[in-house]
Amino acid sequence: MSTTGRYFYHDPRTGRRFCIEPISDRDQKQEEKTWTNGGIDQVRGGSIREDESIITAENGFTGITTLEPGVSPDAFIQALIRAEEQEG
């Protein structure tokens, strides 16, 4: 997972890949401080702004879904895959 919270989920049974991004409008940088252990910026929230999202139709994503707060993206994806398997 990146410092933005973005990660990819790969389902080995179907071969499908999903991109997950937590979206938030709040500022993420807590302070512009360089640490002595490699220059890591301290990040708060682990999310990105909606206008910085890579999940867009222009980038080739289909079936884009925005989940309500508190809904697990992994559980949503697993339920989606189970429902597709039952249909087909």
PDB file of N, CA and C in Angstrom:
ATOM      1  N   MET A   1       0.851  -1.173   0.000  1.00  0.00           N
ATOM      2  CA  MET A   1       0.000   0.000   0.000  1.00  0.00           C
ATOM      3  C   MET A   1       0.894   1.233   0.000  1.00  0.00           C
ATOM      4  N   SER A   2       0.471   2.251  -0.720  1.00  0.00           N
ATOM      5  CA  SER A   2       1.239   3.491  -0.777  1.00  0.00           C
ATOM      6  C   SER A   2       0.896   4.395   0.408  1.00  0.00           C
ATOM      7  N   THR A   3       1.623   5.489   0.549  1.00  0.00           N
ATOM      8  CA  THR A   3       1.337   6.433   1.625  1.00  0.00           C
ATOM      9  C   THR A   3       0.000   7.132   1.415  1.00  0.00           C
ATOM     10  N   THR A   4      -0.550   7.037   0.214  1.00  0.00           N
ATOM     11  CA  THR A   4      -1.859   7.625  -0.062  1.00  0.00           C
ATOM     12  C   THR A   4      -2.984   6.679   0.291  1.00  0.00           C
ATOM     13  N   GLY A   5      -2.669   5.424   0.601  1.00  0.00           N
ATOM     14  CA  GLY A   5      -3.696   4.433   0.872  1.00  0.00           C
ATOM     15  C   GLY A   5      -4.120   3.659  -0.359  1.00  0.00           C
ATOM     16  N   ARG A   6      -3.637   4.044  -1.535  1.00  0.00           N
ATOM     17  CA  ARG A   6      -3.998   3.356  -2.778  1.00  0.00           C
ATOM     18  C   ARG A   6      -3.361   1.966  -2.790  1.00  0.00           C
ATOM     19  N   TYR A   7      -4.151   0.971  -3.182  1.00  0.00           N
ATOM     20  CA  TYR A   7      -3.598  -0.364  -3.360  1.00  0.00           C
ATOM     21  C   TYR A   7      -4.391  -1.129  -4.409  1.00  0.00           C
ATOM     22  N   PHE A   8      -3.811  -2.213  -4.869  1.00  0.00           N
ATOM     23  CA  PHE A   8      -4.441  -3.043  -5.880  1.00  0.00           C
ATOM     24  C   PHE A   8      -4.789  -4.391  -5.271  1.00  0.00           C
ATOM     25  N   TYR A   9      -5.950  -4.914  -5.639  1.00  0.00           N
ATOM     26  CA  TYR A   9      -6.420  -6.214  -5.179  1.00  0.00           C
ATOM     27  C   TYR A   9      -6.480  -7.112  -6.394  1.00  0.00           C
ATOM     28  N   HIS A  10      -5.827  -8.271  -6.330  1.00  0.00           N
ATOM     29  CA  HIS A  10      -5.833  -9.227  -7.430  1.00  0.00           C
ATOM     30  C   HIS A  10      -6.526 -10.499  -6.969  1.00  0.00           C
ATOM     31  N   ASP A  11      -7.561 -10.897  -7.700  1.00  0.00           N
ATOM     32  CA  ASP A  11      -8.251 -12.134  -7.380  1.00  0.00           C
ATOM     33  C   ASP A  11      -7.624 -13.257  -8.190  1.00  0.00           C
ATOM     34  N   PRO A  12      -6.962 -14.211  -7.544  1.00  0.00           N
ATOM     35  CA  PRO A  12      -6.264 -15.266  -8.284  1.00  0.00           C
ATOM     36  C   PRO A  12      -7.195 -16.212  -9.045  1.00  0.00           C
ATOM     37  N   ARG A  13      -8.434 -16.388  -8.571  1.00  0.00           N
ATOM     38  CA  ARG A  13      -9.358 -17.294  -9.262  1.00  0.00           C
ATOM     39  C   ARG A  13      -9.829 -16.722 -10.599  1.00  0.00           C
ATOM     40  N   THR A  14     -10.153 -15.441 -10.613  1.00  0.00           N
ATOM     41  CA  THR A  14     -10.694 -14.827 -11.837  1.00  0.00           C
ATOM     42  C   THR A  14      -9.634 -14.082 -12.636  1.00  0.00           C
ATOM     43  N   GLY A  15      -8.527 -13.725 -11.989  1.00  0.00           N
ATOM     44  CA  GLY A  15      -7.490 -12.946 -12.662  1.00  0.00           C
ATOM     45  C   GLY A  15      -7.797 -11.455 -12.712  1.00  0.00           C
ATOM     46  N   ARG A  16      -8.910 -11.057 -12.130  1.00  0.00           N
ATOM     47  CA  ARG A  16      -9.286  -9.636 -12.150  1.00  0.00           C
ATOM     48  C   ARG A  16      -8.454  -8.846 -11.159  1.00  0.00           C
ATOM     49  N   ARG A  17      -8.177  -7.601 -11.535  1.00  0.00           N
ATOM     50  CA  ARG A  17      -7.454  -6.682 -10.656  1.00  0.00           C
ATOM     51  C   ARG A  17      -8.349  -5.487 -10.368  1.00  0.00           C
ATOM     52  N   PHE A  18      -8.302  -5.028  -9.129  1.00  0.00           N
ATOM     53  CA  PHE A  18      -9.089  -3.885  -8.697  1.00  0.00           C
ATOM     54  C   PHE A  18      -8.148  -2.861  -8.091  1.00  0.00           C
ATOM     55  N   CYS A  19      -8.415  -1.598  -8.346  1.00  0.00           N
ATOM     56  CA  CYS A  19      -7.652  -0.507  -7.742  1.00  0.00           C
ATOM     57  C   CYS A  19      -8.538   0.140  -6.677  1.00  0.00           C
ATOM     58  N   ILE A  20      -7.983   0.306  -5.488  1.00  0.00           N
ATOM     59  CA  ILE A  20      -8.731   0.885  -4.373  1.00  0.00           C
ATOM     60  C   ILE A  20      -8.024   2.158  -3.948  1.00  0.00           C
ATOM     61  N   GLU A  21      -8.788   3.235  -3.818  1.00  0.00           N
ATOM     62  CA  GLU A  21      -8.258   4.517  -3.357  1.00  0.00           C
ATOM     63  C   GLU A  21      -9.185   5.113  -2.303  1.00  0.00           C
ATOM     64  N   PRO A  22      -8.704   5.326  -1.101  1.00  0.00           N
ATOM     65  CA  PRO A  22      -9.503   6.073  -0.136  1.00  0.00           C
ATOM     66  C   PRO A  22      -9.482   7.559  -0.531  1.00  0.00           C
ATOM     67  N   ILE A  23     -10.653   8.147  -0.670  1.00  0.00           N
ATOM     68  CA  ILE A  23     -10.777   9.538  -1.111  1.00  0.00           C
ATOM     69  C   ILE A  23     -11.175  10.410   0.077  1.00  0.00           C
ATOM     70  N   SER A  24     -10.507  11.554   0.221  1.00  0.00           N
ATOM     71  CA  SER A  24     -10.836  12.506   1.277  1.00  0.00           C
ATOM     72  C   SER A  24     -10.419  13.895   0.808  1.00  0.00           C
ATOM     73  N   ASP A  25     -11.171  14.904   1.220  1.00  0.00           N
ATOM     74  CA  ASP A  25     -10.847  16.277   0.837  1.00  0.00           C
ATOM     75  C   ASP A  25      -9.914  16.970   1.814  1.00  0.00           C
ATOM     76  N   ARG A  26      -9.621  16.330   2.946  1.00  0.00           N
ATOM     77  CA  ARG A  26      -8.756  16.993   3.918  1.00  0.00           C
ATOM     78  C   ARG A  26      -7.298  16.955   3.476  1.00  0.00           C
ATOM     79  N   ASP A  27      -6.527  17.876   3.993  1.00  0.00           N
ATOM     80  CA  ASP A  27      -5.104  17.911   3.670  1.00  0.00           C
ATOM     81  C   ASP A  27      -4.411  16.704   4.272  1.00  0.00           C
ATOM     82  N   GLN A  28      -3.444  16.157   3.549  1.00  0.00           N
ATOM     83  CA  GLN A  28      -2.784  14.948   3.995  1.00  0.00           C
ATOM     84  C   GLN A  28      -1.433  15.187   4.657  1.00  0.00           C
ATOM     85  N   LYS A  29      -0.713  16.202   4.252  1.00  0.00           N
ATOM     86  CA  LYS A  29       0.606  16.431   4.827  1.00  0.00           C
ATOM     87  C   LYS A  29       0.465  17.062   6.197  1.00  0.00           C
ATOM     88  N   GLN A  30       0.980  16.391   7.189  1.00  0.00           N
ATOM     89  CA  GLN A  30       0.907  16.936   8.533  1.00  0.00           C
ATOM     90  C   GLN A  30       1.981  17.998   8.732  1.00  0.00           C
ATOM     91  N   GLU A  31       3.155  17.734   8.220  1.00  0.00           N
ATOM     92  CA  GLU A  31       4.227  18.717   8.277  1.00  0.00           C
ATOM     93  C   GLU A  31       5.249  18.389   7.210  1.00  0.00           C
ATOM     94  N   GLU A  32       5.910  19.403   6.710  1.00  0.00           N
ATOM     95  CA  GLU A  32       6.951  19.233   5.699  1.00  0.00           C
ATOM     96  C   GLU A  32       8.280  19.035   6.415  1.00  0.00           C
ATOM     97  N   LYS A  33       8.501  17.836   6.901  1.00  0.00           N
ATOM     98  CA  LYS A  33       9.689  17.547   7.691  1.00  0.00           C
ATOM     99  C   LYS A  33      10.453  16.404   7.037  1.00  0.00           C
ATOM    100  N   THR A  34      11.745  16.539   6.928  1.00  0.00           N
ATOM    101  CA  THR A  34      12.568  15.463   6.402  1.00  0.00           C
ATOM    102  C   THR A  34      13.171  14.707   7.567  1.00  0.00           C
ATOM    103  N   TRP A  35      12.919  13.419   7.611  1.00  0.00           N
ATOM    104  CA  TRP A  35      13.424  12.574   8.676  1.00  0.00           C
ATOM    105  C   TRP A  35      14.804  12.060   8.304  1.00  0.00           C
ATOM    106  N   THR A  36      15.602  11.747   9.285  1.00  0.00           N
ATOM    107  CA  THR A  36      16.954  11.266   9.025  1.00  0.00           C
ATOM    108  C   THR A  36      16.979   9.835   8.500  1.00  0.00           C
ATOM    109  N   ASN A  37      15.849   9.139   8.506  1.00  0.00           N
ATOM    110  CA  ASN A  37      15.821   7.746   8.055  1.00  0.00           C
ATOM    111  C   ASN A  37      15.391   7.608   6.602  1.00  0.00           C
ATOM    112  N   GLY A  38      15.759   8.544   5.757  1.00  0.00           N
ATOM    113  CA  GLY A  38      15.476   8.402   4.332  1.00  0.00           C
ATOM    114  C   GLY A  38      14.564   9.453   3.750  1.00  0.00           C
ATOM    115  N   GLY A  39      14.233  10.494   4.467  1.00  0.00           N
ATOM    116  CA  GLY A  39      13.434  11.580   3.920  1.00  0.00           C
ATOM    117  C   GLY A  39      11.969  11.253   3.755  1.00  0.00           C
ATOM    118  N   ILE A  40      11.390  10.529   4.674  1.00  0.00           N
ATOM    119  CA  ILE A  40       9.973  10.155   4.592  1.00  0.00           C
ATOM    120  C   ILE A  40       9.117  11.295   5.124  1.00  0.00           C
ATOM    121  N   ASP A  41       8.093  11.689   4.353  1.00  0.00           N
ATOM    122  CA  ASP A  41       7.141  12.691   4.828  1.00  0.00           C
ATOM    123  C   ASP A  41       6.133  12.021   5.732  1.00  0.00           C
ATOM    124  N   GLN A  42       5.806  12.649   6.825  1.00  0.00           N
ATOM    125  CA  GLN A  42       4.784  12.120   7.714  1.00  0.00           C
ATOM    126  C   GLN A  42       3.417  12.421   7.100  1.00  0.00           C
ATOM    127  N   VAL A  43       2.589  11.414   6.997  1.00  0.00           N
ATOM    128  CA  VAL A  43       1.291  11.552   6.341  1.00  0.00           C
ATOM    129  C   VAL A  43       0.180  11.245   7.327  1.00  0.00           C
ATOM    130  N   ARG A  44      -0.896  12.022   7.247  1.00  0.00           N
ATOM    131  CA  ARG A  44      -2.062  11.805   8.106  1.00  0.00           C
ATOM    132  C   ARG A  44      -3.245  11.436   7.215  1.00  0.00           C
ATOM    133  N   GLY A  45      -3.959  10.416   7.576  1.00  0.00           N
ATOM    134  CA  GLY A  45      -5.194  10.090   6.878  1.00  0.00           C
ATOM    135  C   GLY A  45      -5.080   8.973   5.876  1.00  0.00           C
ATOM    136  N   GLY A  46      -3.963   8.842   5.191  1.00  0.00           N
ATOM    137  CA  GLY A  46      -3.798   7.779   4.217  1.00  0.00           C
ATOM    138  C   GLY A  46      -4.818   7.812   3.102  1.00  0.00           C
ATOM    139  N   SER A  47      -5.119   8.993   2.583  1.00  0.00           N
ATOM    140  CA  SER A  47      -6.078   9.097   1.492  1.00  0.00           C
ATOM    141  C   SER A  47      -5.628  10.188   0.525  1.00  0.00           C
ATOM    142  N   ILE A  48      -6.339  10.275  -0.595  1.00  0.00           N
ATOM    143  CA  ILE A  48      -6.003  11.276  -1.603  1.00  0.00           C
ATOM    144  C   ILE A  48      -7.234  12.117  -1.909  1.00  0.00           C
ATOM    145  N   ARG A  49      -7.001  13.242  -2.540  1.00  0.00           N
ATOM    146  CA  ARG A  49      -8.104  14.101  -2.959  1.00  0.00           C
ATOM    147  C   ARG A  49      -8.729  13.516  -4.225  1.00  0.00           C
ATOM    148  N   GLU A  50     -10.022  13.727  -4.413  1.00  0.00           N
ATOM    149  CA  GLU A  50     -10.733  13.144  -5.553  1.00  0.00           C
ATOM    150  C   GLU A  50     -10.136  13.587  -6.889  1.00  0.00           C
ATOM    151  N   ASP A  51      -9.690  14.836  -6.976  1.00  0.00           N
ATOM    152  CA  ASP A  51      -9.126  15.321  -8.237  1.00  0.00           C
ATOM    153  C   ASP A  51      -7.753  14.722  -8.545  1.00  0.00           C
ATOM    154  N   GLU A  52      -7.144  13.994  -7.595  1.00  0.00           N
ATOM    155  CA  GLU A  52      -5.858  13.336  -7.826  1.00  0.00           C
ATOM    156  C   GLU A  52      -6.018  11.830  -8.053  1.00  0.00           C
ATOM    157  N   SER A  53      -7.248  11.355  -8.110  1.00  0.00           N
ATOM    158  CA  SER A  53      -7.516   9.930  -8.287  1.00  0.00           C
ATOM    159  C   SER A  53      -7.093   9.472  -9.675  1.00  0.00           C
ATOM    160  N   ILE A  54      -6.530   8.259  -9.741  1.00  0.00           N
ATOM    161  CA  ILE A  54      -6.204   7.665 -11.040  1.00  0.00           C
ATOM    162  C   ILE A  54      -7.365   6.831 -11.566  1.00  0.00           C
ATOM    163  N   ILE A  55      -8.382   6.601 -10.732  1.00  0.00           N
ATOM    164  CA  ILE A  55      -9.523   5.772 -11.127  1.00  0.00           C
ATOM    165  C   ILE A  55     -10.516   6.631 -11.900  1.00  0.00           C
ATOM    166  N   THR A  56     -10.337   6.651 -13.216  1.00  0.00           N
ATOM    167  CA  THR A  56     -11.219   7.415 -14.101  1.00  0.00           C
ATOM    168  C   THR A  56     -11.472   6.598 -15.364  1.00  0.00           C
ATOM    169  N   ALA A  57     -12.564   6.889 -16.047  1.00  0.00           N
ATOM    170  CA  ALA A  57     -12.858   6.228 -17.315  1.00  0.00           C
ATOM    171  C   ALA A  57     -11.769   6.554 -18.342  1.00  0.00           C
ATOM    172  N   GLU A  58     -11.221   7.760 -18.274  1.00  0.00           N
ATOM    173  CA  GLU A  58     -10.164   8.159 -19.199  1.00  0.00           C
ATOM    174  C   GLU A  58      -8.917   7.294 -19.043  1.00  0.00           C
ATOM    175  N   ASN A  59      -8.709   6.749 -17.853  1.00  0.00           N
ATOM    176  CA  ASN A  59      -7.567   5.864 -17.606  1.00  0.00           C
ATOM    177  C   ASN A  59      -7.916   4.394 -17.835  1.00  0.00           C
ATOM    178  N   GLY A  60      -9.109   4.130 -18.369  1.00  0.00           N
ATOM    179  CA  GLY A  60      -9.487   2.778 -18.732  1.00  0.00           C
ATOM    180  C   GLY A  60     -10.227   1.987 -17.666  1.00  0.00           C
ATOM    181  N   PHE A  61     -10.598   2.631 -16.564  1.00  0.00           N
ATOM    182  CA  PHE A  61     -11.326   1.923 -15.509  1.00  0.00           C
ATOM    183  C   PHE A  61     -12.802   1.820 -15.876  1.00  0.00           C
ATOM    184  N   THR A  62     -13.394   0.669 -15.568  1.00  0.00           N
ATOM    185  CA  THR A  62     -14.826   0.462 -15.787  1.00  0.00           C
ATOM    186  C   THR A  62     -15.453   0.003 -14.480  1.00  0.00           C
ATOM    187  N   GLY A  63     -16.750   0.169 -14.357  1.00  0.00           N
ATOM    188  CA  GLY A  63     -17.443  -0.268 -13.152  1.00  0.00           C
ATOM    189  C   GLY A  63     -16.975   0.466 -11.910  1.00  0.00           C
ATOM    190  N   ILE A  64     -16.696   1.744 -12.040  1.00  0.00           N
ATOM    191  CA  ILE A  64     -16.198   2.539 -10.916  1.00  0.00           C
ATOM    192  C   ILE A  64     -17.296   2.676  -9.869  1.00  0.00           C
ATOM    193  N   THR A  65     -16.957   2.352  -8.628  1.00  0.00           N
ATOM    194  CA  THR A  65     -17.922   2.368  -7.539  1.00  0.00           C
ATOM    195  C   THR A  65     -17.365   3.173  -6.377  1.00  0.00           C
ATOM    196  N   THR A  66     -18.191   4.039  -5.808  1.00  0.00           N
ATOM    197  CA  THR A  66     -17.826   4.779  -4.606  1.00  0.00           C
ATOM    198  C   THR A  66     -18.590   4.161  -3.442  1.00  0.00           C
ATOM    199  N   LEU A  67     -17.860   3.712  -2.441  1.00  0.00           N
ATOM    200  CA  LEU A  67     -18.478   3.063  -1.288  1.00  0.00           C
ATOM    201  C   LEU A  67     -18.778   4.074  -0.195  1.00  0.00           C
ATOM    202  N   GLU A  68     -19.785   3.780   0.587  1.00  0.00           N
ATOM    203  CA  GLU A  68     -20.113   4.608   1.740  1.00  0.00           C
ATOM    204  C   GLU A  68     -19.025   4.436   2.802  1.00  0.00           C
ATOM    205  N   PRO A  69     -18.814   5.454   3.638  1.00  0.00           N
ATOM    206  CA  PRO A  69     -17.839   5.307   4.721  1.00  0.00           C
ATOM    207  C   PRO A  69     -18.140   4.088   5.586  1.00  0.00           C
ATOM    208  N   GLY A  70     -17.106   3.360   5.937  1.00  0.00           N
ATOM    209  CA  GLY A  70     -17.252   2.189   6.789  1.00  0.00           C
ATOM    210  C   GLY A  70     -17.410   0.878   6.042  1.00  0.00           C
ATOM    211  N   VAL A  71     -17.607   0.932   4.715  1.00  0.00           N
ATOM    212  CA  VAL A  71     -17.748  -0.286   3.923  1.00  0.00           C
ATOM    213  C   VAL A  71     -16.342  -0.751   3.511  1.00  0.00           C
ATOM    214  N   SER A  72     -16.042  -2.011   3.778  1.00  0.00           N
ATOM    215  CA  SER A  72     -14.739  -2.570   3.446  1.00  0.00           C
ATOM    216  C   SER A  72     -14.616  -2.786   1.937  1.00  0.00           C
ATOM    217  N   PRO A  73     -13.603  -2.184   1.294  1.00  0.00           N
ATOM    218  CA  PRO A  73     -13.422  -2.411  -0.143  1.00  0.00           C
ATOM    219  C   PRO A  73     -13.156  -3.885  -0.470  1.00  0.00           C
ATOM    220  N   ASP A  74     -12.353  -4.551   0.363  1.00  0.00           N
ATOM    221  CA  ASP A  74     -12.050  -5.962   0.105  1.00  0.00           C
ATOM    222  C   ASP A  74     -13.300  -6.819   0.209  1.00  0.00           C
ATOM    223  N   ALA A  75     -14.125  -6.587   1.219  1.00  0.00           N
ATOM    224  CA  ALA A  75     -15.369  -7.347   1.371  1.00  0.00           C
ATOM    225  C   ALA A  75     -16.314  -7.063   0.209  1.00  0.00           C
ATOM    226  N   PHE A  76     -16.374  -5.820  -0.250  1.00  0.00           N
ATOM    227  CA  PHE A  76     -17.225  -5.457  -1.387  1.00  0.00           C
ATOM    228  C   PHE A  76     -16.779  -6.204  -2.638  1.00  0.00           C
ATOM    229  N   ILE A  77     -15.475  -6.249  -2.873  1.00  0.00           N
ATOM    230  CA  ILE A  77     -14.933  -6.930  -4.050  1.00  0.00           C
ATOM    231  C   ILE A  77     -15.220  -8.428  -3.971  1.00  0.00           C
ATOM    232  N   GLN A  78     -15.019  -9.026  -2.813  1.00  0.00           N
ATOM    233  CA  GLN A  78     -15.288 -10.456  -2.660  1.00  0.00           C
ATOM    234  C   GLN A  78     -16.767 -10.772  -2.899  1.00  0.00           C
ATOM    235  N   ALA A  79     -17.660  -9.925  -2.410  1.00  0.00           N
ATOM    236  CA  ALA A  79     -19.099 -10.122  -2.641  1.00  0.00           C
ATOM    237  C   ALA A  79     -19.425  -9.969  -4.127  1.00  0.00           C
ATOM    238  N   LEU A  80     -18.794  -9.020  -4.794  1.00  0.00           N
ATOM    239  CA  LEU A  80     -18.999  -8.802  -6.225  1.00  0.00           C
ATOM    240  C   LEU A  80     -18.562 -10.034  -7.012  1.00  0.00           C
ATOM    241  N   ILE A  81     -17.410 -10.578  -6.680  1.00  0.00           N
ATOM    242  CA  ILE A  81     -16.904 -11.760  -7.379  1.00  0.00           C
ATOM    243  C   ILE A  81     -17.802 -12.965  -7.119  1.00  0.00           C
ATOM    244  N   ARG A  82     -18.240 -13.151  -5.870  1.00  0.00           N
ATOM    245  CA  ARG A  82     -19.156 -14.262  -5.553  1.00  0.00           C
ATOM    246  C   ARG A  82     -20.460 -14.147  -6.346  1.00  0.00           C
ATOM    247  N   ALA A  83     -21.016 -12.940  -6.432  1.00  0.00           N
ATOM    248  CA  ALA A  83     -22.264 -12.722  -7.170  1.00  0.00           C
ATOM    249  C   ALA A  83     -22.079 -13.022  -8.654  1.00  0.00           C
ATOM    250  N   GLU A  84     -20.931 -12.629  -9.219  1.00  0.00           N
ATOM    251  CA  GLU A  84     -20.653 -12.909 -10.637  1.00  0.00           C
ATOM    252  C   GLU A  84     -20.496 -14.403 -10.884  1.00  0.00           C
ATOM    253  N   GLU A  85     -19.853 -15.107  -9.939  1.00  0.00           N
ATOM    254  CA  GLU A  85     -19.676 -16.554 -10.078  1.00  0.00           C
ATOM    255  C   GLU A  85     -21.024 -17.273 -10.026  1.00  0.00           C
ATOM    256  N   GLN A  86     -21.938 -16.805  -9.189  1.00  0.00           N
ATOM    257  CA  GLN A  86     -23.255 -17.434  -9.079  1.00  0.00           C
ATOM    258  C   GLN A  86     -24.096 -17.193 -10.335  1.00  0.00           C
ATOM    259  N   GLU A  87     -23.899 -16.048 -10.969  1.00  0.00           N
ATOM    260  CA  GLU A  87     -24.647 -15.730 -12.195  1.00  0.00           C
ATOM    261  C   GLU A  87     -24.167 -16.553 -13.375  1.00  0.00           C
ATOM    262  N   GLY A  88     -22.870 -16.783 -13.425  1.00  0.00           N
ATOM    263  CA  GLY A  88     -22.352 -17.367 -14.643  1.00  0.00           C
ATOM    264  C   GLY A  88     -21.701 -18.649 -14.510  1.00  0.00           C
TER     265      GLY A  88
END
